[in-house]
Amino acid sequence: MSPHLLLSAGRGPRECAWALARLAGRLESEAARRRVATRRVEVVAGDRPGTYRSILLELAGDGAEAFAATWTGTLCWQAPSPYRSGAGRKNWYVTAQRCEVGAPRTVFAESDVDIVACRTGGPGGQHRNKASTAVRATHRPTGTVVVVDTERQLSLNRSIALRLLRERLARGDERAGREVVTARWRIHDQLVRGDAVRVERP
C-alpha cells in the first residue's frame, strides 16, 4: 500500500503556506532523484498565489516507505519572509505526517454469513413456540450478528436478516470513513514549532 504524507501549514502565518509550497517542491525533487513517484492527491491553496495551506501526497515505489520516514515530522524552511520587510523571523515551520486515506470497504458475500434457525420468546402464540422460524445471522469476517423474528416464515426472516447485515456493515464503513477524515484534520493542529527533523533553505 502506498504511503501518504499530509503536509500542513497548520494555523501558522501566510509565510508557512509559502514555506509549505517550497518544501513540497523540495520533497518532490528529492523523491524523483530516488525514483519514488509522488502524486498530489489533494491541495488546499493559501491566500497568496503559489502557496498552500496543505498538500496530501501519495508516494509510490520500492523506497517509498523509507523515503516517507525521512520527511515525517516538523519541517523548517529557513529564509526571510517575502511579505515583511526588514530583519525578523526566518524560520517557518510545516508539519508532515503519515495518514490514512479512505477506510477499506467491507465486502459483503452471503457465503460469509452463517444463518441458524432458532426460537425466540415473546408474543406470537403457539406457532412461535412450536416452530423455529426466527434466524440468527452472523457475518463471520466482522462478527456482526442480527436476530430476526418479525415474520412467521423462515425464508422471510432470512431475507430480512441479510438486508439488515448489509445495512449495518455499510453504516460501519461510513463511520470508519468519517473517522479517517477526522484523524487527518487533527494533523493540522499538531504542528510543533522548533526541533525540526529537516531544515531546508533556498
Protein backbone atom coordinates (compact mmCIF):
# COMPACT_ATOMS: atom_id res chain seq x y z
CA MET A 1 0.00 0.00 0.00
CA SER A 2 1.36 3.42 -0.97
CA PRO A 3 2.19 5.68 1.98
CA HIS A 4 0.54 9.09 2.18
CA LEU A 5 2.05 12.24 3.69
CA LEU A 6 -0.01 15.23 4.70
CA LEU A 7 1.98 18.47 4.65
CA SER A 8 0.25 21.19 6.62
CA ALA A 9 0.97 24.81 7.49
CA GLY A 10 -1.32 24.35 10.48
CA ARG A 11 -2.58 27.66 11.85
CA GLY A 12 0.67 29.44 11.08
CA PRO A 13 1.01 32.79 9.28
CA ARG A 14 0.95 33.14 5.50
CA GLU A 15 4.72 32.58 5.40
CA CYS A 16 4.07 28.99 6.50
CA ALA A 17 1.86 28.45 3.44
CA TRP A 18 4.66 29.92 1.32
CA ALA A 19 7.20 27.66 3.05
CA LEU A 20 4.98 24.63 2.51
CA ALA A 21 4.99 25.19 -1.26
CA ARG A 22 8.79 25.31 -1.29
CA LEU A 23 9.19 22.29 0.97
CA ALA A 24 6.75 20.28 -1.14
CA GLY A 25 8.77 21.13 -4.24
CA ARG A 26 11.99 20.12 -2.50
CA LEU A 27 10.41 16.85 -1.34
CA GLU A 28 9.16 16.03 -4.85
CA SER A 29 12.55 16.77 -6.40
CA GLU A 30 14.34 14.55 -3.92
CA ALA A 31 11.76 11.80 -4.44
CA ALA A 32 12.33 11.92 -8.20
CA ARG A 33 16.08 11.51 -7.67
CA ARG A 34 15.42 8.46 -5.53
CA ARG A 35 12.95 7.02 -8.07
CA VAL A 36 9.98 7.47 -5.72
CA ALA A 37 6.87 8.62 -7.55
CA THR A 38 4.77 11.38 -5.98
CA ARG A 39 1.20 12.45 -6.66
CA ARG A 40 -0.70 15.36 -5.16
CA VAL A 41 -3.97 13.79 -4.09
CA GLU A 42 -5.48 16.90 -2.52
CA VAL A 43 -4.34 20.51 -2.16
CA VAL A 44 -5.69 23.46 -0.19
CA ALA A 45 -4.41 26.73 -1.59
CA GLY A 46 -3.14 29.57 0.57
CA ASP A 47 -4.33 33.16 0.30
CA ARG A 48 -1.35 34.12 -1.90
CA PRO A 49 -0.65 32.73 -5.39
CA GLY A 50 1.63 29.69 -5.35
CA THR A 51 1.13 28.96 -1.63
CA TYR A 52 -0.63 26.07 0.09
CA ARG A 53 -2.24 25.52 3.47
CA SER A 54 -1.93 21.77 2.95
CA ILE A 55 -0.91 19.16 0.39
CA LEU A 56 -1.75 15.47 0.60
CA LEU A 57 0.93 13.44 -1.21
CA GLU A 58 0.85 9.83 -2.30
CA LEU A 59 4.27 8.15 -2.59
CA ALA A 60 4.92 5.03 -4.64
CA GLY A 61 7.93 2.90 -5.43
CA ASP A 62 10.28 0.44 -3.76
CA GLY A 63 11.79 3.04 -1.47
CA ALA A 64 8.56 4.94 -0.69
CA GLU A 65 8.26 3.84 2.94
CA ALA A 66 11.86 4.68 3.82
CA PHE A 67 11.65 7.97 1.95
CA ALA A 68 8.45 8.97 3.76
CA ALA A 69 10.18 8.36 7.10
CA THR A 70 12.90 10.90 6.25
CA TRP A 71 10.26 13.59 5.68
CA THR A 72 7.97 12.83 8.62
CA GLY A 73 7.84 15.36 11.45
CA THR A 74 8.35 19.11 11.73
CA LEU A 75 9.98 20.67 8.68
CA CYS A 76 11.59 24.10 8.62
CA TRP A 77 12.06 26.43 5.66
CA GLN A 78 14.75 28.92 6.60
CA ALA A 79 14.52 32.16 4.65
CA PRO A 80 13.43 35.78 5.11
CA SER A 81 9.73 36.47 4.72
CA PRO A 82 8.70 37.56 1.21
CA TYR A 83 5.84 39.52 2.76
CA ARG A 84 7.55 41.52 5.55
CA SER A 85 10.42 43.94 5.08
CA GLY A 86 13.34 44.29 7.47
CA ALA A 87 15.08 41.81 9.71
CA GLY A 88 13.00 39.37 11.67
CA ARG A 89 11.90 35.81 11.83
CA LYS A 90 13.43 33.46 9.26
CA ASN A 91 12.23 30.04 10.40
CA TRP A 92 8.87 28.90 9.00
CA TYR A 93 7.52 25.57 10.21
CA VAL A 94 5.39 22.96 8.49
CA THR A 95 4.33 19.51 9.65
CA ALA A 96 4.49 16.35 7.54
CA GLN A 97 2.66 13.33 8.95
CA ARG A 98 1.72 9.91 7.69
CA CYS A 99 -2.04 9.49 7.35
CA GLU A 100 -4.67 7.08 6.13
CA VAL A 101 -6.69 7.90 3.03
CA GLY A 102 -10.05 6.18 2.83
CA ALA A 103 -11.14 3.35 5.08
CA PRO A 104 -11.31 -0.12 3.49
CA ARG A 105 -14.81 -1.15 2.46
CA THR A 106 -16.31 -4.35 3.82
CA VAL A 107 -17.02 -6.80 1.01
CA PHE A 108 -20.34 -8.50 1.71
CA ALA A 109 -20.87 -12.04 0.44
CA GLU A 110 -23.70 -14.32 1.55
CA SER A 111 -21.20 -17.18 1.72
CA ASP A 112 -19.59 -15.34 4.66
CA VAL A 113 -22.85 -15.41 6.63
CA ASP A 114 -23.85 -18.25 8.97
CA ILE A 115 -27.62 -18.47 9.33
CA VAL A 116 -29.12 -20.58 12.11
CA ALA A 117 -32.84 -21.15 12.69
CA CYS A 118 -33.85 -20.54 16.28
CA ARG A 119 -36.79 -19.87 18.55
CA THR A 120 -37.36 -16.61 20.36
CA GLY A 121 -39.60 -15.71 23.25
CA GLY A 122 -42.32 -13.11 23.39
CA PRO A 123 -45.84 -12.88 21.93
CA GLY A 124 -46.76 -14.91 18.87
CA GLY A 125 -48.91 -17.80 20.03
CA GLN A 126 -48.41 -21.49 19.51
CA HIS A 127 -46.74 -21.11 16.11
CA ARG A 128 -43.76 -19.28 17.62
CA ASN A 129 -43.49 -21.77 20.46
CA LYS A 130 -43.51 -24.84 18.17
CA ALA A 131 -41.57 -23.68 15.08
CA SER A 132 -38.05 -22.34 14.73
CA THR A 133 -38.86 -19.53 12.31
CA ALA A 134 -36.51 -16.90 13.73
CA VAL A 135 -32.98 -16.67 12.34
CA ARG A 136 -29.65 -15.64 13.78
CA ALA A 137 -27.31 -14.37 11.06
CA THR A 138 -23.60 -13.96 11.78
CA HIS A 139 -21.17 -12.23 9.41
CA ARG A 140 -18.02 -14.23 10.11
CA PRO A 141 -15.35 -11.71 8.95
CA THR A 142 -16.62 -8.95 11.27
CA GLY A 143 -18.51 -10.94 13.93
CA THR A 144 -21.65 -8.84 13.35
CA VAL A 145 -24.83 -10.65 14.49
CA VAL A 146 -28.51 -9.92 13.86
CA VAL A 147 -31.54 -11.87 15.07
CA VAL A 148 -34.83 -11.55 13.16
CA ASP A 149 -38.18 -13.00 14.22
CA THR A 150 -40.62 -10.47 12.80
CA GLU A 151 -42.13 -12.84 10.21
CA ARG A 152 -43.68 -16.27 10.57
CA GLN A 153 -41.77 -17.68 7.61
CA LEU A 154 -38.14 -18.67 7.95
CA SER A 155 -37.34 -17.55 4.39
CA LEU A 156 -38.70 -14.04 5.01
CA ASN A 157 -36.76 -13.69 8.25
CA ARG A 158 -33.63 -14.88 6.43
CA SER A 159 -34.03 -12.20 3.74
CA ILE A 160 -34.58 -9.50 6.33
CA ALA A 161 -31.52 -10.65 8.31
CA LEU A 162 -29.29 -10.44 5.22
CA ARG A 163 -30.58 -6.96 4.42
CA LEU A 164 -30.01 -5.79 7.99
CA LEU A 165 -26.47 -7.16 7.94
CA ARG A 166 -25.70 -5.30 4.71
CA GLU A 167 -27.06 -2.06 6.18
CA ARG A 168 -25.19 -2.44 9.46
CA LEU A 169 -21.89 -3.14 7.69
CA ALA A 170 -22.43 -0.17 5.35
CA ARG A 171 -23.04 2.13 8.34
CA GLY A 172 -19.86 0.80 9.95
CA ASP A 173 -17.89 1.58 6.78
CA GLU A 174 -19.31 5.11 6.67
CA ARG A 175 -18.39 5.69 10.32
CA ALA A 176 -14.85 4.40 9.72
CA GLY A 177 -14.51 6.71 6.71
CA ARG A 178 -15.55 9.73 8.79
CA GLU A 179 -13.03 8.77 11.48
CA VAL A 180 -10.22 8.65 8.90
CA VAL A 181 -11.11 12.15 7.66
CA THR A 182 -11.33 13.46 11.24
CA ALA A 183 -7.91 12.00 12.09
CA ARG A 184 -6.44 13.69 9.00
CA TRP A 185 -7.85 17.07 10.02
CA ARG A 186 -6.37 16.72 13.51
CA ILE A 187 -2.90 16.75 11.94
CA HIS A 188 -3.38 20.43 11.12
CA ASP A 189 -3.39 21.19 14.85
CA GLN A 190 -0.36 19.03 15.69
CA LEU A 191 2.33 21.33 14.30
CA VAL A 192 5.20 21.69 16.78
CA ARG A 193 7.44 24.67 16.05
CA GLY A 194 11.11 24.00 16.68
CA ASP A 195 13.07 20.75 16.83
CA ALA A 196 12.69 20.23 13.08
CA VAL A 197 13.64 16.90 11.54
CA ARG A 198 14.73 18.78 8.42
CA VAL A 199 15.85 22.35 7.81
CA GLU A 200 15.78 23.38 4.16
CA ARG A 201 16.99 26.61 2.60
CA PRO A 202 16.66 28.26 -0.85
